[in-house]
Amino acid sequence: MTIKPIRNDDDLKKVFRRLEKIFQAEEGTAQADERDVLVTLVEAYENMHYDFGPADPVDAIKFRMEQEGLTPRDLEPFIGPSGRVSEVLNRKRPLSLRMVKRLHDGLKIPYESLLTEVS
């Protein structure tokens, strides 16, 4: 495996093509190691060259729910009763600072993702 820095968007495209081939590599293999290194290089390049900005709070919550296999009911300890969870997920109620702290502490959602629209 020969790994080179990503210096421009053409290099980035080449890395993406390689990642398509090895993305499902079995853990513990040389291809899995290569995949992990390439993903780190892509993240570093994108952080330097693209401004994605902070995630929308609701999108960040939904992303964590998807990652962890959570349901809206699982959010009640962090947000409050089911009606309040529904309002937050449907963007009818903004997050309070208390909700942000609980979501960060309990689900490890970064503060910068949760604090973009706090009331």
N, C-alpha and C. Protein backbone atom coordinates (compact mmCIF):
# COMPACT_ATOMS: atom_id res chain seq x y z
N MET A 1 0.85 -1.16 0.00
CA MET A 1 0.00 0.00 0.00
C MET A 1 0.90 1.23 0.00
N THR A 2 0.70 2.08 -0.99
CA THR A 2 1.42 3.34 -1.08
C THR A 2 0.41 4.45 -0.88
N ILE A 3 0.58 5.20 0.17
CA ILE A 3 -0.36 6.28 0.47
C ILE A 3 0.35 7.60 0.31
N LYS A 4 -0.31 8.52 -0.39
CA LYS A 4 0.26 9.84 -0.65
C LYS A 4 -0.69 10.89 -0.10
N PRO A 5 -0.17 12.07 0.18
CA PRO A 5 -1.05 13.15 0.65
C PRO A 5 -2.09 13.52 -0.40
N ILE A 6 -3.20 14.04 0.06
CA ILE A 6 -4.23 14.57 -0.85
C ILE A 6 -3.93 16.07 -0.98
N ARG A 7 -3.53 16.48 -2.17
CA ARG A 7 -3.12 17.87 -2.38
C ARG A 7 -4.14 18.69 -3.15
N ASN A 8 -5.05 18.02 -3.85
CA ASN A 8 -6.04 18.74 -4.66
C ASN A 8 -7.27 17.86 -4.87
N ASP A 9 -8.26 18.42 -5.55
CA ASP A 9 -9.51 17.68 -5.74
C ASP A 9 -9.34 16.45 -6.63
N ASP A 10 -8.37 16.48 -7.55
CA ASP A 10 -8.12 15.29 -8.36
C ASP A 10 -7.60 14.14 -7.50
N ASP A 11 -6.68 14.47 -6.58
CA ASP A 11 -6.20 13.45 -5.63
C ASP A 11 -7.36 12.92 -4.80
N LEU A 12 -8.24 13.82 -4.39
CA LEU A 12 -9.39 13.43 -3.58
C LEU A 12 -10.28 12.44 -4.34
N LYS A 13 -10.52 12.71 -5.61
CA LYS A 13 -11.34 11.81 -6.43
C LYS A 13 -10.70 10.43 -6.54
N LYS A 14 -9.38 10.40 -6.69
CA LYS A 14 -8.67 9.12 -6.77
C LYS A 14 -8.83 8.33 -5.47
N VAL A 15 -8.73 9.03 -4.35
CA VAL A 15 -8.89 8.37 -3.06
C VAL A 15 -10.30 7.82 -2.92
N PHE A 16 -11.30 8.61 -3.34
CA PHE A 16 -12.68 8.13 -3.27
C PHE A 16 -12.87 6.88 -4.12
N ARG A 17 -12.27 6.85 -5.30
CA ARG A 17 -12.38 5.65 -6.14
C ARG A 17 -11.76 4.43 -5.45
N ARG A 18 -10.63 4.65 -4.80
CA ARG A 18 -9.98 3.55 -4.08
C ARG A 18 -10.84 3.11 -2.89
N LEU A 19 -11.40 4.09 -2.18
CA LEU A 19 -12.24 3.75 -1.03
C LEU A 19 -13.46 2.94 -1.44
N GLU A 20 -14.01 3.21 -2.62
CA GLU A 20 -15.16 2.43 -3.09
C GLU A 20 -14.81 0.95 -3.19
N LYS A 21 -13.55 0.66 -3.53
CA LYS A 21 -13.13 -0.72 -3.70
C LYS A 21 -12.85 -1.43 -2.38
N ILE A 22 -12.42 -0.67 -1.37
CA ILE A 22 -11.97 -1.31 -0.13
C ILE A 22 -12.84 -0.95 1.08
N PHE A 23 -13.92 -0.24 0.88
CA PHE A 23 -14.69 0.26 2.01
C PHE A 23 -15.25 -0.84 2.89
N GLN A 24 -15.60 -1.98 2.31
CA GLN A 24 -16.17 -3.09 3.08
C GLN A 24 -15.11 -4.10 3.52
N ALA A 25 -13.86 -3.69 3.54
CA ALA A 25 -12.78 -4.62 3.91
C ALA A 25 -12.99 -5.14 5.33
N GLU A 26 -12.62 -6.38 5.53
CA GLU A 26 -12.75 -7.01 6.84
C GLU A 26 -11.73 -6.43 7.80
N GLU A 27 -12.20 -6.12 9.02
CA GLU A 27 -11.31 -5.55 10.04
C GLU A 27 -10.09 -6.45 10.25
N GLY A 28 -8.96 -5.82 10.50
CA GLY A 28 -7.74 -6.57 10.76
C GLY A 28 -6.94 -6.90 9.52
N THR A 29 -7.46 -6.52 8.35
CA THR A 29 -6.74 -6.78 7.11
C THR A 29 -5.98 -5.53 6.67
N ALA A 30 -5.04 -5.73 5.75
CA ALA A 30 -4.28 -4.60 5.22
C ALA A 30 -5.20 -3.61 4.52
N GLN A 31 -6.23 -4.11 3.84
CA GLN A 31 -7.16 -3.20 3.16
C GLN A 31 -7.97 -2.38 4.17
N ALA A 32 -8.31 -2.95 5.29
CA ALA A 32 -9.03 -2.20 6.33
C ALA A 32 -8.12 -1.11 6.90
N ASP A 33 -6.85 -1.43 7.10
CA ASP A 33 -5.91 -0.41 7.56
C ASP A 33 -5.78 0.70 6.55
N GLU A 34 -5.67 0.34 5.27
CA GLU A 34 -5.58 1.34 4.21
C GLU A 34 -6.82 2.22 4.20
N ARG A 35 -7.99 1.61 4.32
CA ARG A 35 -9.25 2.35 4.35
C ARG A 35 -9.24 3.37 5.48
N ASP A 36 -8.84 2.94 6.67
CA ASP A 36 -8.84 3.83 7.82
C ASP A 36 -7.91 5.02 7.63
N VAL A 37 -6.73 4.77 7.07
CA VAL A 37 -5.78 5.85 6.81
C VAL A 37 -6.34 6.80 5.75
N LEU A 38 -6.92 6.26 4.69
CA LEU A 38 -7.47 7.11 3.63
C LEU A 38 -8.63 7.96 4.13
N VAL A 39 -9.48 7.39 4.96
CA VAL A 39 -10.60 8.15 5.52
C VAL A 39 -10.07 9.32 6.35
N THR A 40 -9.02 9.08 7.12
CA THR A 40 -8.41 10.14 7.91
C THR A 40 -7.85 11.23 7.01
N LEU A 41 -7.20 10.85 5.93
CA LEU A 41 -6.67 11.84 4.99
C LEU A 41 -7.78 12.65 4.33
N VAL A 42 -8.86 12.00 3.97
CA VAL A 42 -9.99 12.69 3.35
C VAL A 42 -10.57 13.70 4.34
N GLU A 43 -10.77 13.29 5.57
CA GLU A 43 -11.32 14.20 6.59
C GLU A 43 -10.41 15.41 6.78
N ALA A 44 -9.12 15.18 6.84
CA ALA A 44 -8.18 16.30 7.02
C ALA A 44 -8.23 17.24 5.82
N TYR A 45 -8.25 16.69 4.62
CA TYR A 45 -8.31 17.53 3.41
C TYR A 45 -9.61 18.33 3.38
N GLU A 46 -10.73 17.67 3.64
CA GLU A 46 -12.01 18.37 3.60
C GLU A 46 -12.11 19.43 4.68
N ASN A 47 -11.58 19.17 5.87
CA ASN A 47 -11.61 20.18 6.93
C ASN A 47 -10.79 21.40 6.57
N MET A 48 -9.72 21.21 5.81
CA MET A 48 -8.87 22.34 5.41
C MET A 48 -9.45 23.12 4.23
N HIS A 49 -10.18 22.44 3.33
CA HIS A 49 -10.58 23.07 2.08
C HIS A 49 -12.07 23.34 1.92
N TYR A 50 -12.89 22.78 2.77
CA TYR A 50 -14.33 22.96 2.63
C TYR A 50 -14.91 23.37 3.98
N ASP A 51 -15.80 24.36 3.94
CA ASP A 51 -16.46 24.81 5.17
C ASP A 51 -17.87 24.24 5.18
N PHE A 52 -18.03 23.15 5.92
CA PHE A 52 -19.35 22.53 6.02
C PHE A 52 -20.21 23.23 7.06
N GLY A 53 -19.58 23.95 7.97
CA GLY A 53 -20.33 24.62 9.02
C GLY A 53 -20.88 23.62 10.00
N PRO A 54 -21.38 24.12 11.10
CA PRO A 54 -21.94 23.19 12.09
C PRO A 54 -23.22 22.55 11.59
N ALA A 55 -23.47 21.36 12.06
CA ALA A 55 -24.69 20.65 11.67
C ALA A 55 -25.91 21.34 12.28
N ASP A 56 -27.03 21.18 11.62
CA ASP A 56 -28.30 21.63 12.17
C ASP A 56 -28.59 20.77 13.41
N PRO A 57 -29.04 21.37 14.51
CA PRO A 57 -29.26 20.58 15.73
C PRO A 57 -30.17 19.37 15.54
N VAL A 58 -31.28 19.54 14.84
CA VAL A 58 -32.21 18.43 14.64
C VAL A 58 -31.56 17.35 13.77
N ASP A 59 -30.83 17.77 12.74
CA ASP A 59 -30.12 16.80 11.91
C ASP A 59 -29.08 16.04 12.73
N ALA A 60 -28.39 16.74 13.63
CA ALA A 60 -27.40 16.09 14.48
C ALA A 60 -28.06 15.05 15.39
N ILE A 61 -29.20 15.40 15.94
CA ILE A 61 -29.93 14.47 16.81
C ILE A 61 -30.40 13.26 16.00
N LYS A 62 -30.98 13.51 14.85
CA LYS A 62 -31.48 12.40 14.01
C LYS A 62 -30.33 11.51 13.55
N PHE A 63 -29.18 12.11 13.26
CA PHE A 63 -28.02 11.33 12.85
C PHE A 63 -27.58 10.40 13.98
N ARG A 64 -27.52 10.93 15.21
CA ARG A 64 -27.14 10.10 16.36
C ARG A 64 -28.19 9.01 16.59
N MET A 65 -29.46 9.35 16.42
CA MET A 65 -30.52 8.35 16.58
C MET A 65 -30.30 7.21 15.59
N GLU A 66 -29.99 7.55 14.36
CA GLU A 66 -29.76 6.54 13.33
C GLU A 66 -28.54 5.69 13.68
N GLN A 67 -27.47 6.36 14.11
CA GLN A 67 -26.25 5.63 14.47
C GLN A 67 -26.48 4.63 15.59
N GLU A 68 -27.25 5.04 16.59
CA GLU A 68 -27.44 4.23 17.79
C GLU A 68 -28.71 3.38 17.75
N GLY A 69 -29.51 3.51 16.68
CA GLY A 69 -30.75 2.75 16.61
C GLY A 69 -31.77 3.21 17.63
N LEU A 70 -31.80 4.52 17.90
CA LEU A 70 -32.70 5.07 18.91
C LEU A 70 -34.05 5.45 18.32
N THR A 71 -35.05 5.44 19.15
CA THR A 71 -36.39 5.89 18.77
C THR A 71 -36.65 7.23 19.48
N PRO A 72 -37.68 7.96 19.07
CA PRO A 72 -38.01 9.20 19.78
C PRO A 72 -38.22 8.97 21.28
N ARG A 73 -38.77 7.85 21.66
CA ARG A 73 -38.98 7.55 23.09
C ARG A 73 -37.64 7.53 23.83
N ASP A 74 -36.58 7.08 23.17
CA ASP A 74 -35.26 7.04 23.80
C ASP A 74 -34.72 8.43 24.11
N LEU A 75 -35.27 9.45 23.48
CA LEU A 75 -34.81 10.83 23.69
C LEU A 75 -35.48 11.50 24.89
N GLU A 76 -36.51 10.90 25.43
CA GLU A 76 -37.25 11.53 26.52
C GLU A 76 -36.39 11.89 27.73
N PRO A 77 -35.41 11.08 28.13
CA PRO A 77 -34.57 11.49 29.27
C PRO A 77 -33.75 12.76 28.99
N PHE A 78 -33.52 13.05 27.72
CA PHE A 78 -32.69 14.19 27.35
C PHE A 78 -33.49 15.43 27.00
N ILE A 79 -34.68 15.23 26.43
CA ILE A 79 -35.48 16.35 25.93
C ILE A 79 -36.73 16.59 26.77
N GLY A 80 -37.35 15.53 27.23
CA GLY A 80 -38.57 15.66 28.01
C GLY A 80 -39.65 14.73 27.49
N PRO A 81 -40.90 14.99 27.86
CA PRO A 81 -42.01 14.12 27.45
C PRO A 81 -42.10 13.95 25.93
N SER A 82 -42.82 12.91 25.52
CA SER A 82 -42.90 12.57 24.09
C SER A 82 -43.39 13.72 23.23
N GLY A 83 -44.32 14.52 23.75
CA GLY A 83 -44.80 15.66 22.97
C GLY A 83 -43.70 16.67 22.69
N ARG A 84 -42.86 16.90 23.67
CA ARG A 84 -41.74 17.83 23.50
C ARG A 84 -40.71 17.26 22.53
N VAL A 85 -40.43 15.96 22.64
CA VAL A 85 -39.51 15.32 21.70
C VAL A 85 -40.03 15.49 20.28
N SER A 86 -41.30 15.25 20.09
CA SER A 86 -41.92 15.40 18.77
C SER A 86 -41.79 16.83 18.25
N GLU A 87 -42.04 17.79 19.12
CA GLU A 87 -41.92 19.19 18.71
C GLU A 87 -40.50 19.53 18.29
N VAL A 88 -39.51 19.04 19.03
CA VAL A 88 -38.11 19.31 18.69
C VAL A 88 -37.77 18.66 17.35
N LEU A 89 -38.12 17.38 17.20
CA LEU A 89 -37.77 16.67 15.96
C LEU A 89 -38.49 17.23 14.74
N ASN A 90 -39.65 17.86 14.96
CA ASN A 90 -40.39 18.47 13.85
C ASN A 90 -40.12 19.97 13.71
N ARG A 91 -39.12 20.44 14.44
CA ARG A 91 -38.66 21.83 14.38
C ARG A 91 -39.71 22.84 14.81
N LYS A 92 -40.59 22.43 15.69
CA LYS A 92 -41.61 23.34 16.21
C LYS A 92 -41.19 23.93 17.55
N ARG A 93 -40.16 23.37 18.16
CA ARG A 93 -39.65 23.86 19.43
C ARG A 93 -38.12 23.83 19.36
N PRO A 94 -37.48 24.95 19.71
CA PRO A 94 -36.01 24.95 19.73
C PRO A 94 -35.49 24.23 20.96
N LEU A 95 -34.24 23.84 20.91
CA LEU A 95 -33.61 23.21 22.06
C LEU A 95 -33.34 24.27 23.13
N SER A 96 -33.53 23.89 24.37
CA SER A 96 -33.13 24.75 25.48
C SER A 96 -31.69 24.40 25.86
N LEU A 97 -31.06 25.24 26.66
CA LEU A 97 -29.70 24.93 27.10
C LEU A 97 -29.66 23.65 27.93
N ARG A 98 -30.70 23.41 28.71
CA ARG A 98 -30.77 22.18 29.50
C ARG A 98 -30.81 20.95 28.58
N MET A 99 -31.61 21.02 27.52
CA MET A 99 -31.68 19.91 26.56
C MET A 99 -30.32 19.69 25.90
N VAL A 100 -29.68 20.79 25.51
CA VAL A 100 -28.37 20.69 24.85
C VAL A 100 -27.38 19.97 25.76
N LYS A 101 -27.32 20.38 27.02
CA LYS A 101 -26.39 19.75 27.96
C LYS A 101 -26.69 18.26 28.12
N ARG A 102 -27.96 17.93 28.26
CA ARG A 102 -28.33 16.52 28.43
C ARG A 102 -28.01 15.70 27.17
N LEU A 103 -28.29 16.25 26.00
CA LEU A 103 -27.98 15.54 24.74
C LEU A 103 -26.48 15.36 24.58
N HIS A 104 -25.72 16.39 24.94
CA HIS A 104 -24.26 16.28 24.84
C HIS A 104 -23.73 15.24 25.81
N ASP A 105 -24.14 15.35 27.06
CA ASP A 105 -23.64 14.42 28.08
C ASP A 105 -24.10 12.99 27.85
N GLY A 106 -25.37 12.83 27.46
CA GLY A 106 -25.92 11.49 27.33
C GLY A 106 -25.67 10.80 26.00
N LEU A 107 -25.70 11.58 24.92
CA LEU A 107 -25.55 10.97 23.59
C LEU A 107 -24.26 11.38 22.89
N LYS A 108 -23.46 12.21 23.55
CA LYS A 108 -22.16 12.64 23.02
C LYS A 108 -22.30 13.38 21.68
N ILE A 109 -23.36 14.15 21.54
CA ILE A 109 -23.53 15.01 20.36
C ILE A 109 -22.72 16.28 20.64
N PRO A 110 -21.85 16.69 19.73
CA PRO A 110 -21.01 17.86 19.98
C PRO A 110 -21.84 19.13 20.25
N TYR A 111 -21.36 19.92 21.20
CA TYR A 111 -22.04 21.17 21.52
C TYR A 111 -22.20 22.05 20.28
N GLU A 112 -21.15 22.13 19.46
CA GLU A 112 -21.23 23.02 18.30
C GLU A 112 -22.35 22.64 17.33
N SER A 113 -22.74 21.38 17.32
CA SER A 113 -23.85 20.95 16.48
C SER A 113 -25.20 21.29 17.11
N LEU A 114 -25.25 21.31 18.43
CA LEU A 114 -26.50 21.54 19.12
C LEU A 114 -26.80 23.01 19.41
N LEU A 115 -25.78 23.84 19.42
CA LEU A 115 -25.94 25.22 19.87
C LEU A 115 -26.23 26.22 18.76
N THR A 116 -26.49 25.79 17.57
CA THR A 116 -26.70 26.75 16.49
C THR A 116 -28.02 27.49 16.57
N GLU A 117 -29.00 26.95 17.29
CA GLU A 117 -30.33 27.60 17.38
C GLU A 117 -30.93 27.45 18.77
N VAL A 118 -30.17 27.69 19.81
CA VAL A 118 -30.68 27.52 21.17
C VAL A 118 -31.43 28.74 21.62
N SER A 119 -32.57 28.50 22.34
CA SER A 119 -33.34 29.63 22.88
C SER A 119 -32.93 29.90 24.30
